[in-house]
Protein backbone atom coordinates (compact mmCIF):
# COMPACT_ATOMS: atom_id res chain seq x y z
CA MET A 1 15.37 49.66 -20.54
CA PHE A 2 18.51 48.47 -18.77
CA ARG A 3 18.15 46.74 -15.41
CA THR A 4 20.98 46.52 -12.94
CA PRO A 5 21.64 43.01 -11.63
CA ASP A 6 20.43 42.37 -8.12
CA PRO A 7 23.06 40.50 -6.07
CA ASP A 8 20.42 39.37 -3.56
CA ALA A 9 18.50 37.58 -6.31
CA ASP A 10 21.41 35.24 -7.00
CA ARG A 11 21.78 34.42 -3.32
CA SER A 12 18.08 33.71 -2.89
CA LYS A 13 18.09 31.40 -5.94
CA ALA A 14 21.08 29.54 -4.54
CA ALA A 15 19.46 29.28 -1.12
CA ALA A 16 16.29 27.83 -2.65
CA ALA A 17 18.14 25.29 -4.79
CA GLY A 18 19.25 23.11 -1.85
CA PRO A 19 15.84 22.42 -0.31
CA VAL A 20 14.27 21.96 -3.74
CA LEU A 21 16.92 19.41 -4.70
CA PHE A 22 16.46 17.62 -1.37
CA ALA A 23 12.68 17.45 -1.90
CA ALA A 24 13.14 16.13 -5.43
CA VAL A 25 15.46 13.37 -4.25
CA MET A 26 13.06 12.44 -1.46
CA PHE A 27 10.15 12.21 -3.94
CA ILE A 28 12.22 9.99 -6.24
CA VAL A 29 13.22 7.70 -3.36
CA ALA A 30 9.61 7.48 -2.15
CA GLY A 31 8.43 6.68 -5.67
CA VAL A 32 10.99 3.90 -6.13
CA LEU A 33 10.10 2.40 -2.75
CA ASP A 34 6.37 2.54 -3.58
CA LEU A 35 7.05 0.88 -6.93
CA LEU A 36 8.97 -1.93 -5.22
CA ARG A 37 6.24 -2.27 -2.60
CA GLY A 38 3.62 -2.56 -5.35
CA ILE A 39 5.62 -5.23 -7.15
CA MET A 40 5.99 -7.11 -3.86
CA ALA A 41 2.25 -6.88 -3.23
CA ILE A 42 1.52 -8.39 -6.64
CA ALA A 43 4.19 -11.10 -6.42
CA ARG A 44 3.52 -12.20 -2.86
CA ASP A 45 -0.07 -11.47 -1.95
CA GLU A 46 0.17 -13.10 1.48
CA VAL A 47 2.42 -10.24 2.63
CA PHE A 48 -0.40 -7.71 2.40
CA VAL A 49 -3.70 -8.55 4.10
CA SER A 50 -6.84 -6.72 3.12
CA THR A 51 -9.28 -5.86 5.88
CA PRO A 52 -13.02 -5.47 5.55
CA THR A 53 -14.26 -1.93 4.98
CA ALA A 54 -17.49 -0.32 6.07
CA SER A 55 -18.95 -0.71 2.59
CA SER A 56 -18.44 -4.50 2.53
CA ARG A 57 -20.40 -5.20 5.73
């Protein structure tokens, strides 16, 4: 069966591509920053201070 192309489908795909790309870039940036923060926490443990939790009382 032959289907006619829907011009609105192309526009909706293009409209969704921008926010999806933005979200992907933001996730990558957050991941890199978290990786650097984790390396910093291991290298210089006096930067991060652990506090007592309810289970350690």
